[in-house]
């Protein structure tokens, strides 16, 4: 029993199909030969896809002709450019799909442990060009010795020109595959980065546009005190809570920002949390109860709201009996919490475990 390989050129010898317009001598390209049913799927040059059932009397024979090179997407220079564009689009789409499948097992719901930490590691690896990370991403590869068949199948699916591949010169085939491969790999990396930005974000949205390097005077950023930095499980910098605000100035290299009342109240609560933690450590160290308040006040300022006025008590901390600041809101109801007094800085939102405040979208950042 003769065997036909995908990509092989054949000519029609005979068929009993009463409805086909195919005639003996018409040529086409084999798509697949089902050996069990002895069924040969053919893409005919005329556009027909009639399969040949060899056990039912259909007959074909090997042909040495190549498909006509006119009239398809590769017939002229403009057609070739369009074919490459379609290959690029198809490669990009396939790359995005591969990235999304890969992410499910890397940073998605199927992953055990801290998916945010995993996403942050991948982002760092992509930014640094770390081979250990990049080599683990999906990458386009041909199918071994069947590279020519794979190329034909991809080209046919991308361009709709099922026969055009076989009329290409070898350099054209190489160019088409290089375009597809580059688009695929680029799309994989870009889509993985997008998905990691979502998975690593403390808000569940992409906040990469709020990176501190992009924050300018008058722009929105995420701020934290230099005292708030901790070390994460991967040895990386972490900030328990970041505060959304508008950068209005710099003081001795530190950021001065304004924020809404809600954010200001969160800063007050966070400062109290630091004070409570410090108090607990002192108690564990055996500091007498009657001395706890004094030592806490000497180490950390007290913040509180008195109506609409934010009161910062730093008397014990500074040794100055007059070191009480009363901070009022500006005409827009915004507060500058200890600006030009505390060491605030813009931080990467992705190092924050939590962010307080309304984040702008990319267009309004």
Protein backbone atom coordinates (compact mmCIF):
# COMPACT_ATOMS: atom_id res chain seq x y z
CA UNK A 1 0.00 0.00 0.00
CA UNK A 2 1.54 3.34 -1.00
CA UNK A 3 2.20 5.86 1.75
CA UNK A 4 1.92 9.62 1.39
CA UNK A 5 3.73 12.14 3.56
CA UNK A 6 2.38 15.50 4.64
CA UNK A 7 3.59 18.14 2.24
CA UNK A 8 3.95 15.72 -0.65
CA UNK A 9 2.68 16.84 -4.04
CA UNK A 10 0.12 14.53 -5.69
CA UNK A 11 -2.02 14.43 -8.82
CA UNK A 12 -5.55 13.11 -9.15
CA UNK A 13 -5.84 9.93 -11.17
CA UNK A 14 -9.47 8.97 -10.47
CA UNK A 15 -12.39 9.68 -8.17
CA UNK A 16 -16.02 8.55 -8.23
CA UNK A 17 -17.25 11.61 -6.34
CA UNK A 18 -20.10 12.93 -8.53
CA UNK A 19 -20.07 16.42 -7.05
CA UNK A 20 -16.42 17.40 -7.20
CA UNK A 21 -15.08 19.75 -9.85
CA UNK A 22 -11.71 18.05 -9.66
CA UNK A 23 -10.51 16.40 -12.85
CA UNK A 24 -7.75 13.85 -13.50
CA UNK A 25 -4.41 15.63 -13.58
CA UNK A 26 -5.37 18.25 -10.98
CA UNK A 27 -2.63 18.63 -8.39
CA UNK A 28 -2.56 19.29 -4.66
CA UNK A 29 -0.60 18.94 -1.46
CA UNK A 30 -1.03 16.14 1.06
CA UNK A 31 -2.07 17.32 4.50
CA UNK A 32 -2.27 13.94 6.21
CA UNK A 33 -2.43 10.27 5.41
CA UNK A 34 -4.57 8.23 7.79
CA UNK A 35 -2.97 4.81 7.36
CA UNK A 36 -5.69 2.97 9.30
CA UNK A 37 -8.50 4.17 7.05
CA UNK A 38 -6.23 4.65 4.02
CA UNK A 39 -7.63 8.19 3.76
CA UNK A 40 -5.46 10.92 2.28
CA UNK A 41 -6.39 14.48 3.14
CA UNK A 42 -5.37 16.77 0.27
CA UNK A 43 -5.42 20.51 -0.15
CA UNK A 44 -5.91 20.87 -3.88
CA UNK A 45 -4.44 23.80 -5.80
CA UNK A 46 -7.96 24.69 -6.93
CA UNK A 47 -8.99 25.26 -3.30
CA UNK A 48 -10.87 21.97 -2.90
CA UNK A 49 -10.19 19.92 0.22
CA UNK A 50 -11.68 16.66 -1.03
CA UNK A 51 -10.05 13.71 0.74
CA UNK A 52 -9.08 10.61 -1.19
CA UNK A 53 -10.45 7.31 0.12
CA UNK A 54 -8.02 4.90 -1.52
CA UNK A 55 -9.87 1.79 -0.35
CA UNK A 56 -13.05 3.07 -2.03
CA UNK A 57 -11.47 3.47 -5.46
CA UNK A 58 -10.00 7.00 -5.34
CA UNK A 59 -6.58 7.09 -6.87
CA UNK A 60 -3.75 9.61 -6.75
CA UNK A 61 -0.14 9.53 -7.82
CA UNK A 62 2.98 11.43 -6.77
CA UNK A 63 3.45 14.66 -8.70
CA UNK A 64 6.62 16.63 -9.27
CA UNK A 65 4.93 19.95 -10.00
CA UNK A 66 4.98 22.83 -7.52
CA UNK A 67 1.99 25.04 -6.82
CA UNK A 68 1.62 28.11 -9.01
CA UNK A 69 3.32 31.12 -7.43
CA UNK A 70 0.86 33.69 -8.72
CA UNK A 71 -2.49 34.62 -7.35
CA UNK A 72 -1.74 33.63 -3.73
CA UNK A 73 -0.49 35.70 -0.83
CA UNK A 74 3.09 35.18 -1.98
CA UNK A 75 2.57 36.07 -5.61
CA UNK A 76 4.11 39.56 -5.46
CA UNK A 77 6.30 41.64 -3.17
CA UNK A 78 3.27 43.25 -1.56
CA UNK A 79 1.72 39.83 -1.08
CA UNK A 80 4.88 38.55 0.54
CA UNK A 81 4.93 41.48 2.97
CA UNK A 82 1.32 40.74 3.87
CA UNK A 83 2.15 37.06 4.36
CA UNK A 84 4.97 37.95 6.75
CA UNK A 85 2.66 40.27 8.65
CA UNK A 86 0.14 37.46 9.03
CA UNK A 87 2.89 35.11 10.21
CA UNK A 88 3.93 37.72 12.76
CA UNK A 89 0.37 38.14 14.02
CA UNK A 90 -0.15 34.38 14.22
CA UNK A 91 3.11 33.90 16.10
CA UNK A 92 2.20 36.63 18.58
CA UNK A 93 -1.23 35.13 19.20
CA UNK A 94 0.22 31.66 19.72
CA UNK A 95 2.83 33.09 22.08
CA UNK A 96 0.23 34.84 24.19
CA UNK A 97 -1.81 31.66 24.43
CA UNK A 98 1.25 29.64 25.45
CA UNK A 99 2.11 32.23 28.11
CA UNK A 100 -1.36 32.07 29.60
CA UNK A 101 -1.28 28.28 29.83
CA UNK A 102 2.20 28.41 31.35
CA UNK A 103 1.14 31.01 33.92
CA UNK A 104 -1.60 28.77 35.27
CA UNK A 105 1.04 26.34 36.53
CA UNK A 106 3.52 29.04 37.59
CA UNK A 107 1.63 31.95 39.17
CA UNK A 108 -2.02 30.95 38.82
CA UNK A 109 -4.60 29.23 40.98
CA UNK A 110 -2.93 25.84 40.53
CA UNK A 111 0.25 27.01 42.24
CA UNK A 112 0.80 26.24 45.88
CA UNK A 113 2.58 28.69 48.17
CA UNK A 114 3.03 32.42 47.63
CA UNK A 115 2.13 33.15 44.01
CA UNK A 116 2.89 36.85 44.53
CA UNK A 117 6.43 35.98 45.55
CA UNK A 118 6.80 33.69 42.53
CA UNK A 119 5.53 36.44 40.23
CA UNK A 120 7.95 38.97 41.71
CA UNK A 121 10.86 36.58 41.17
CA UNK A 122 9.89 36.08 37.55
CA UNK A 123 9.56 39.83 36.97
CA UNK A 124 13.01 40.44 38.44
CA UNK A 125 14.42 37.67 36.27
CA UNK A 126 12.86 39.12 33.13
CA UNK A 127 14.12 42.62 33.94
CA UNK A 128 17.62 41.30 34.66
CA UNK A 129 17.68 38.96 31.66
CA UNK A 130 18.29 36.01 33.99
CA UNK A 131 18.71 32.86 31.84
CA UNK A 132 17.33 30.70 34.67
CA UNK A 133 14.03 32.57 34.36
CA UNK A 134 13.95 33.23 30.62
CA UNK A 135 14.85 29.65 29.70
CA UNK A 136 11.93 28.39 31.78
CA UNK A 137 9.41 30.34 29.71
CA UNK A 138 7.65 28.72 26.75
CA UNK A 139 9.71 29.09 23.60
CA UNK A 140 8.82 28.29 20.02
CA UNK A 141 10.47 25.17 18.65
CA UNK A 142 9.93 23.26 15.46
CA UNK A 143 9.12 19.58 15.55
CA UNK A 144 12.47 17.97 14.89
CA UNK A 145 12.88 16.50 11.42
CA UNK A 146 9.37 17.61 10.48
CA UNK A 147 10.34 21.28 10.48
CA UNK A 148 9.26 21.70 6.85
CA UNK A 149 5.85 20.23 7.56
CA UNK A 150 5.47 22.37 10.67
CA UNK A 151 6.38 25.44 8.64
CA UNK A 152 3.83 24.58 5.98
CA UNK A 153 1.09 24.02 8.53
CA UNK A 154 1.82 27.29 10.33
CA UNK A 155 2.05 29.21 7.08
CA UNK A 156 -1.23 27.78 5.79
CA UNK A 157 -3.04 28.55 9.05
CA UNK A 158 -1.66 32.08 9.24
CA UNK A 159 -2.11 33.16 5.63
CA UNK A 160 -4.93 30.96 4.37
CA UNK A 161 -2.70 30.06 1.42
CA UNK A 162 -2.47 26.30 1.79
CA UNK A 163 -0.25 25.75 -1.25
CA UNK A 164 1.91 28.86 -1.18
CA UNK A 165 4.53 27.43 1.18
CA UNK A 166 5.67 24.93 -1.43
CA UNK A 167 6.32 27.67 -3.93
CA UNK A 168 8.64 29.55 -1.59
CA UNK A 169 12.38 29.56 -1.91
CA UNK A 170 14.33 28.25 1.08
CA UNK A 171 15.38 31.76 2.21
CA UNK A 172 11.72 32.81 2.15
CA UNK A 173 10.72 29.83 4.26
CA UNK A 174 13.49 30.67 6.72
CA UNK A 175 12.35 34.28 6.86
CA UNK A 176 8.72 33.31 7.44
CA UNK A 177 9.66 30.98 10.27
CA UNK A 178 12.03 33.53 11.82
CA UNK A 179 9.24 36.12 11.83
CA UNK A 180 6.85 33.66 13.45
CA UNK A 181 9.43 32.50 16.00
CA UNK A 182 10.46 36.04 17.01
CA UNK A 183 6.84 37.14 17.38
CA UNK A 184 6.03 34.06 19.42
CA UNK A 185 8.95 34.44 21.83
CA UNK A 186 8.44 38.18 22.23
CA UNK A 187 4.73 37.72 22.92
CA UNK A 188 5.48 35.03 25.49
CA UNK A 189 7.82 37.29 27.44
CA UNK A 190 5.54 40.32 27.21
CA UNK A 191 2.42 38.39 28.24
CA UNK A 192 4.19 36.63 31.11
CA UNK A 193 5.36 40.03 32.36
CA UNK A 194 1.80 41.37 32.13
CA UNK A 195 0.41 38.41 34.06
CA UNK A 196 3.16 38.63 36.67
CA UNK A 197 2.45 42.33 37.16
CA UNK A 198 -1.12 41.40 37.96
CA UNK A 199 -0.21 38.45 40.19
CA UNK A 200 2.51 40.35 42.08
CA UNK A 201 0.40 43.45 42.61
CA UNK A 202 -1.00 44.07 46.09
CA UNK A 203 -4.12 45.46 44.40
CA UNK A 204 -4.63 42.80 41.73
CA UNK A 205 -4.07 45.37 38.99
CA UNK A 206 -1.02 46.39 37.00
CA UNK A 207 0.69 49.18 38.97
CA UNK A 208 4.00 49.20 37.10
CA UNK A 209 3.25 52.75 35.90
CA UNK A 210 3.67 53.90 39.52
CA UNK A 211 7.30 52.80 39.78
CA UNK A 212 9.25 55.47 41.72
CA UNK A 213 11.48 56.18 38.72
CA UNK A 214 8.38 57.46 36.93
CA UNK A 215 7.05 59.68 39.72
CA UNK A 216 7.49 63.39 39.04
CA UNK A 217 6.45 66.53 40.91
CA UNK A 218 2.69 66.75 40.61
CA UNK A 219 2.39 63.04 39.87
CA UNK A 220 0.87 60.25 41.91
CA UNK A 221 3.04 57.67 43.60
CA UNK A 222 3.14 55.20 46.47
CA UNK A 223 5.07 56.39 49.52
CA UNK A 224 6.46 54.84 52.69
CA UNK A 225 8.90 55.81 55.41
CA UNK A 226 12.46 54.56 55.19
CA UNK A 227 11.84 52.99 58.61
CA UNK A 228 9.09 50.80 57.13
CA UNK A 229 11.33 48.63 54.95
CA UNK A 230 11.70 45.00 55.95
CA UNK A 231 13.26 41.90 54.40
CA UNK A 232 10.96 39.45 52.64
CA UNK A 233 11.22 35.66 52.53
CA UNK A 234 13.33 35.87 49.37
CA UNK A 235 15.75 38.36 50.91
CA UNK A 236 14.14 41.20 48.96
CA UNK A 237 13.00 44.57 50.28
CA UNK A 238 9.42 44.63 51.51
CA UNK A 239 7.11 47.36 52.80
CA UNK A 240 4.11 46.32 54.84
CA UNK A 241 1.95 49.22 53.71
CA UNK A 242 2.38 51.95 51.10
CA UNK A 243 0.37 55.16 50.95
CA UNK A 244 -0.95 56.79 47.78
CA UNK A 245 -0.19 60.47 47.44
CA UNK A 246 0.83 63.27 45.10
CA UNK A 247 4.50 64.24 45.09
CA UNK A 248 4.73 67.99 45.74
CA UNK A 249 8.37 68.56 46.72
CA UNK A 250 11.65 67.10 47.90
CA UNK A 251 13.32 67.80 51.24
CA UNK A 252 16.96 66.81 51.73
CA UNK A 253 16.37 64.17 49.07
CA UNK A 254 13.25 62.79 50.75
CA UNK A 255 9.77 62.95 49.27
CA UNK A 256 7.09 65.41 50.38
CA UNK A 257 3.61 64.31 49.34
CA UNK A 258 0.00 65.25 49.95
CA UNK A 259 -2.76 62.72 50.55
CA UNK A 260 -6.46 62.39 51.21
CA UNK A 261 -8.00 62.28 54.68
CA UNK A 262 -8.48 58.50 54.38
CA UNK A 263 -4.80 57.99 53.63
CA UNK A 264 -3.78 60.35 56.43
CA UNK A 265 -5.91 58.33 58.85
CA UNK A 266 -4.21 55.16 57.62
CA UNK A 267 -0.80 56.74 58.29
CA UNK A 268 -1.94 57.56 61.83
CA UNK A 269 -3.11 53.97 62.32
CA UNK A 270 0.15 52.59 60.91
CA UNK A 271 2.20 54.78 63.24
CA UNK A 272 0.17 53.52 66.18
CA UNK A 273 0.81 49.97 65.01
CA UNK A 274 4.57 50.65 65.08
CA UNK A 275 4.23 52.11 68.56
CA UNK A 276 2.27 49.08 69.78
CA UNK A 277 4.88 46.71 68.37
CA UNK A 278 7.67 48.61 70.03
CA UNK A 279 5.77 48.60 73.29
CA UNK A 280 5.38 44.80 73.05
CA UNK A 281 9.12 44.35 72.47
CA UNK A 282 9.93 46.51 75.47
CA UNK A 283 7.51 44.52 77.61
CA UNK A 284 9.15 41.26 76.46
CA UNK A 285 12.51 42.72 77.44
CA UNK A 286 11.23 43.29 80.96
CA UNK A 287 10.72 47.06 80.90
CA UNK A 288 8.43 48.00 83.81
CA UNK A 289 4.85 48.88 82.86
CA UNK A 290 5.18 52.36 84.34
CA UNK A 291 8.10 53.13 82.04
CA UNK A 292 6.65 51.83 78.78
CA UNK A 293 4.84 55.02 77.68
CA UNK A 294 7.93 57.16 78.22
CA UNK A 295 10.21 54.89 76.22
CA UNK A 296 7.72 54.52 73.38
CA UNK A 297 7.26 58.29 73.19
CA UNK A 298 11.02 58.81 73.18
CA UNK A 299 11.40 56.43 70.24
CA UNK A 300 8.33 57.11 68.11
CA UNK A 301 6.20 60.21 67.59
CA UNK A 302 2.52 60.05 68.41
CA UNK A 303 -0.02 60.87 65.70
CA UNK A 304 -3.71 61.50 66.24
CA UNK A 305 -6.62 63.43 64.79
CA UNK A 306 -8.32 66.18 66.77
CA UNK A 307 -11.33 66.84 64.59
CA UNK A 308 -9.91 67.80 61.20
CA UNK A 309 -6.48 68.61 62.62
CA UNK A 310 -3.74 66.00 62.57
CA UNK A 311 -1.61 66.35 65.71
CA UNK A 312 1.99 65.11 65.73
CA UNK A 313 3.50 64.92 69.20
CA UNK A 314 7.29 64.68 69.10
CA UNK A 315 8.08 66.30 72.46
CA UNK A 316 9.64 63.27 74.11
CA UNK A 317 11.32 62.20 70.89
CA UNK A 318 13.03 65.56 70.34
CA UNK A 319 13.40 66.71 73.93
CA UNK A 320 11.61 69.91 72.94
CA UNK A 321 8.48 70.72 75.03
CA UNK A 322 7.09 72.72 72.09
CA UNK A 323 7.49 69.99 69.44
CA UNK A 324 3.81 69.56 68.66
CA UNK A 325 2.78 70.00 65.02
CA UNK A 326 -0.83 70.73 64.07
CA UNK A 327 -1.40 69.75 60.43
CA UNK A 328 -4.49 71.06 58.68
CA UNK A 329 -5.89 70.15 55.28
CA UNK A 330 -5.41 72.38 52.28
CA UNK A 331 -8.27 73.76 50.20
CA UNK A 332 -8.71 70.39 48.51
CA UNK A 333 -8.92 68.54 51.81
CA UNK A 334 -5.45 67.02 51.45
CA UNK A 335 -2.84 66.60 54.17
CA UNK A 336 0.95 66.74 54.10
CA UNK A 337 1.78 64.28 56.87
CA UNK A 338 5.14 65.15 58.44
CA UNK A 339 6.51 66.45 55.17
CA UNK A 340 9.97 68.04 55.53
CA UNK A 341 10.22 66.33 58.88
CA UNK A 342 10.08 62.56 58.32
CA UNK A 343 12.05 60.57 55.76
CA UNK A 344 9.40 59.57 53.25
CA UNK A 345 10.25 58.05 49.87
CA UNK A 346 8.47 56.88 46.77
CA UNK A 347 8.53 53.08 46.66
CA UNK A 348 7.85 50.42 44.08
CA UNK A 349 4.21 49.34 44.58
CA UNK A 350 5.27 45.74 44.05
CA UNK A 351 7.35 45.71 47.24
CA UNK A 352 4.25 46.67 49.25
CA UNK A 353 2.17 44.02 50.95
CA UNK A 354 -0.73 46.47 51.04
CA UNK A 355 -1.51 49.85 49.48
CA UNK A 356 -3.87 52.44 50.96
CA UNK A 357 -5.48 55.01 48.69
CA UNK A 358 -7.05 55.26 45.27
CA UNK A 359 -4.61 54.38 42.50
CA UNK A 360 -4.84 56.12 39.14
CA UNK A 361 -4.95 54.09 35.97
CA UNK A 362 -2.12 54.13 33.47
CA UNK A 363 -3.47 57.09 31.51
CA UNK A 364 -3.88 59.31 34.56
CA UNK A 365 -0.71 58.40 36.44
